[in-house]
Amino acid sequence: MKKWMYVISVGSMLAIFLVFYLSETKKHEERERQRAVEVAAKKKAEDDRKAGIEAAARADAEKRANQRLADEAKKEADRVAKWEAEGQRIKDATDKANAESDRSAKQAAQLELQLSTLRTEKEKLNREAFELAKQVELGKIKRRTAELEIQRITAMISTKAAQSALARPPAAIPQP
């Protein structure tokens, strides 16, 4: 009977252990199930919070992307407008410079023509002055020649008259 005592005591302890084990296992399973429900609820809440954050982040990113695209479009439009304005300013300045150049070229041509006319007129006046001076000098030469001729003729006439018998008075007749 002593042998059975070992078996019965171990068996009863095993039975007591199994009772406690099974009751604790049920409690533990219940706690695990509750903890799993809590974890699932926390996970669901965390997933919902993350989904909300992700949705807000997506909306914010989309808003920023749209804002960035709008800003880039505005910058591009401003850049194009500035480019066009600068191009128009350069075109206007070029047109103005070309018009000024044409006007200056016409004025230069007109002044060249006027200068040519004035040079021709100056040359004509110089020729006239030279011709008049030439005529004055020729007149002086002719007058000088005429004066010399008059002096020569006068000298010749006086010499002939002095040599001529008619120019000498007759010898004096004695007076009674």
Protein backbone atom coordinates (compact mmCIF):
# COMPACT_ATOMS: atom_id res chain seq x y z
CA MET A 1 0.00 0.00 0.00
CA LYS A 2 2.87 2.08 0.41
CA LYS A 3 3.42 1.95 -3.26
CA TRP A 4 0.02 3.17 -3.89
CA MET A 5 0.59 6.04 -1.60
CA TYR A 6 3.25 7.37 -3.83
CA VAL A 7 0.99 7.07 -6.80
CA ILE A 8 -2.07 8.47 -5.03
CA SER A 9 -0.22 11.43 -3.49
CA VAL A 10 1.41 12.28 -6.81
CA GLY A 11 -1.89 11.71 -8.63
CA SER A 12 -3.80 13.90 -6.14
CA MET A 13 -1.18 16.60 -6.46
CA LEU A 14 -1.43 16.22 -10.19
CA ALA A 15 -5.20 16.54 -9.95
CA ILE A 16 -4.90 19.62 -7.70
CA PHE A 17 -2.27 21.00 -10.06
CA LEU A 18 -4.48 20.36 -13.05
CA VAL A 19 -7.44 22.06 -11.33
CA PHE A 20 -5.32 25.11 -10.54
CA TYR A 21 -3.61 24.92 -13.90
CA LEU A 22 -6.83 24.74 -15.85
CA SER A 23 -8.45 27.52 -13.82
CA GLU A 24 -5.35 29.70 -14.21
CA THR A 25 -5.14 28.76 -17.87
CA LYS A 26 -8.72 29.91 -18.36
CA LYS A 27 -8.02 33.12 -16.45
CA HIS A 28 -4.83 33.56 -18.43
CA GLU A 29 -6.66 32.91 -21.71
CA GLU A 30 -9.34 35.38 -20.64
CA ARG A 31 -6.65 37.96 -19.77
CA GLU A 32 -4.87 37.24 -23.08
CA ARG A 33 -8.12 37.59 -24.96
CA GLN A 34 -8.88 40.88 -23.17
CA ARG A 35 -5.32 42.02 -23.71
CA ALA A 36 -5.62 41.00 -27.40
CA VAL A 37 -8.92 42.94 -27.61
CA GLU A 38 -7.23 45.93 -25.92
CA VAL A 39 -4.21 45.60 -28.20
CA ALA A 40 -6.52 45.28 -31.20
CA ALA A 41 -8.48 48.32 -30.02
CA LYS A 42 -5.23 50.23 -29.41
CA LYS A 43 -3.93 49.07 -32.76
CA LYS A 44 -7.19 50.06 -34.42
CA ALA A 45 -7.09 53.43 -32.64
CA GLU A 46 -3.42 53.84 -33.58
CA ASP A 47 -4.19 52.78 -37.18
CA ASP A 48 -7.13 55.21 -37.27
CA ARG A 49 -4.92 57.96 -35.81
CA LYS A 50 -2.17 57.11 -38.33
CA ALA A 51 -4.73 57.02 -41.15
CA GLY A 52 -6.01 60.42 -39.99
CA ILE A 53 -2.47 61.78 -39.79
CA GLU A 54 -1.64 60.25 -43.18
CA ALA A 55 -4.82 61.70 -44.68
CA ALA A 56 -3.99 65.09 -43.16
CA ALA A 57 -0.40 64.75 -44.37
CA ARG A 58 -1.62 63.73 -47.85
CA ALA A 59 -4.05 66.65 -47.89
CA ASP A 60 -1.30 68.98 -46.64
CA ALA A 61 1.18 67.56 -49.17
CA GLU A 62 -1.40 67.89 -51.92
CA LYS A 63 -2.17 71.44 -50.77
CA ARG A 64 1.56 72.26 -50.71
CA ALA A 65 2.07 70.63 -54.11
CA ASN A 66 -0.84 72.64 -55.52
CA GLN A 67 0.52 75.78 -53.85
CA ARG A 68 4.00 75.01 -55.19
CA LEU A 69 2.59 74.41 -58.67
CA ALA A 70 0.59 77.64 -58.43
CA ASP A 71 3.68 79.51 -57.22
CA GLU A 72 5.79 77.97 -60.00
CA ALA A 73 3.11 78.84 -62.55
CA LYS A 74 2.98 82.39 -61.18
CA LYS A 75 6.78 82.64 -61.22
CA GLU A 76 6.86 81.28 -64.76
CA ALA A 77 4.12 83.71 -65.81
CA ASP A 78 5.98 86.57 -64.13
CA ARG A 79 9.23 85.45 -65.77
CA VAL A 80 7.55 85.22 -69.17
CA ALA A 81 5.89 88.61 -68.65
CA LYS A 82 9.20 90.10 -67.57
CA TRP A 83 10.90 88.47 -70.57
CA GLU A 84 8.23 89.85 -72.89
CA ALA A 85 8.41 93.31 -71.30
CA GLU A 86 12.20 93.31 -71.58
CA GLY A 87 11.96 92.10 -75.18
CA GLN A 88 9.44 94.84 -75.96
CA ARG A 89 11.65 97.45 -74.25
CA ILE A 90 14.66 96.27 -76.27
CA LYS A 91 12.57 96.26 -79.47
CA ASP A 92 11.31 99.78 -78.72
CA ALA A 93 14.84 100.97 -77.97
CA THR A 94 16.10 99.32 -81.17
CA ASP A 95 13.31 100.87 -83.23
CA LYS A 96 14.01 104.25 -81.65
CA ALA A 97 17.73 103.89 -82.32
CA ASN A 98 17.06 102.81 -85.92
CA ALA A 99 14.73 105.78 -86.44
CA GLU A 100 17.34 108.10 -84.91
CA SER A 101 19.99 106.52 -87.13
CA ASP A 102 17.84 107.00 -90.24
CA ARG A 103 17.10 110.59 -89.28
CA SER A 104 20.79 111.23 -88.61
CA ALA A 105 21.76 109.60 -91.93
CA LYS A 106 19.24 111.80 -93.78
CA GLN A 107 20.50 114.86 -91.93
CA ALA A 108 24.12 113.88 -92.70
CA ALA A 109 23.24 113.45 -96.39
CA GLN A 110 21.48 116.81 -96.39
CA LEU A 111 24.45 118.46 -94.67
CA GLU A 112 26.86 116.80 -97.12
CA LEU A 113 24.78 118.17 -100.00
CA GLN A 114 24.72 121.62 -98.39
CA LEU A 115 28.49 121.41 -97.77
CA SER A 116 29.06 120.43 -101.39
CA THR A 117 26.89 123.34 -102.54
CA LEU A 118 28.73 125.75 -100.25
CA ARG A 119 32.13 124.49 -101.45
CA THR A 120 31.05 124.95 -105.05
CA GLU A 121 29.77 128.43 -104.25
CA LYS A 122 33.00 129.26 -102.38
CA GLU A 123 35.08 128.06 -105.32
CA LYS A 124 32.95 130.15 -107.67
CA LEU A 125 33.36 133.22 -105.43
CA ASN A 126 37.11 132.60 -105.21
CA ARG A 127 37.32 132.41 -109.01
CA GLU A 128 35.28 135.59 -109.32
CA ALA A 129 37.50 137.32 -106.76
CA PHE A 130 40.58 136.08 -108.60
CA GLU A 131 39.17 137.26 -111.93
CA LEU A 132 38.32 140.66 -110.43
CA ALA A 133 41.78 140.92 -108.88
CA LYS A 134 43.25 139.90 -112.24
CA GLN A 135 41.20 142.57 -114.01
CA VAL A 136 42.27 145.16 -111.41
CA GLU A 137 45.90 144.20 -111.88
CA LEU A 138 45.50 144.24 -115.67
CA GLY A 139 43.83 147.67 -115.36
CA LYS A 140 46.74 148.91 -113.25
CA ILE A 141 49.21 147.49 -115.74
CA LYS A 142 47.34 149.10 -118.65
CA ARG A 143 47.16 152.40 -116.81
CA ARG A 144 50.86 152.25 -115.99
CA THR A 145 51.61 151.33 -119.56
CA ALA A 146 49.39 154.18 -120.76
CA GLU A 147 51.11 156.63 -118.40
CA LEU A 148 54.52 155.47 -119.60
CA GLU A 149 53.35 155.78 -123.19
CA ILE A 150 52.02 159.26 -122.51
CA GLN A 151 55.32 160.22 -120.88
CA ARG A 152 57.26 158.74 -123.78
CA ILE A 153 55.10 160.50 -126.35
CA THR A 154 55.30 163.74 -124.37
CA ALA A 155 59.07 163.40 -124.17
CA MET A 156 59.24 162.62 -127.90
CA ILE A 157 57.01 165.55 -128.78
CA SER A 158 59.01 167.89 -126.57
CA THR A 159 62.24 166.64 -128.07
CA LYS A 160 60.94 167.09 -131.63
CA ALA A 161 59.49 170.44 -130.77
CA ALA A 162 62.76 171.48 -129.28
CA GLN A 163 64.55 170.37 -132.41
CA SER A 164 62.08 171.85 -134.80
CA ALA A 165 62.62 175.23 -136.36
CA LEU A 166 59.14 176.23 -135.74
CA ALA A 167 59.56 175.78 -132.15
CA ARG A 168 62.61 178.07 -132.05
CA PRO A 169 61.97 181.67 -132.14
CA PRO A 170 63.40 183.44 -135.13
CA ALA A 171 66.58 185.14 -134.68
CA ALA A 172 66.15 188.38 -133.29
CA ILE A 173 65.82 191.15 -135.73
CA PRO A 174 67.80 194.10 -134.79
CA GLN A 175 65.65 196.84 -133.91
CA PRO A 176 66.31 200.17 -135.29
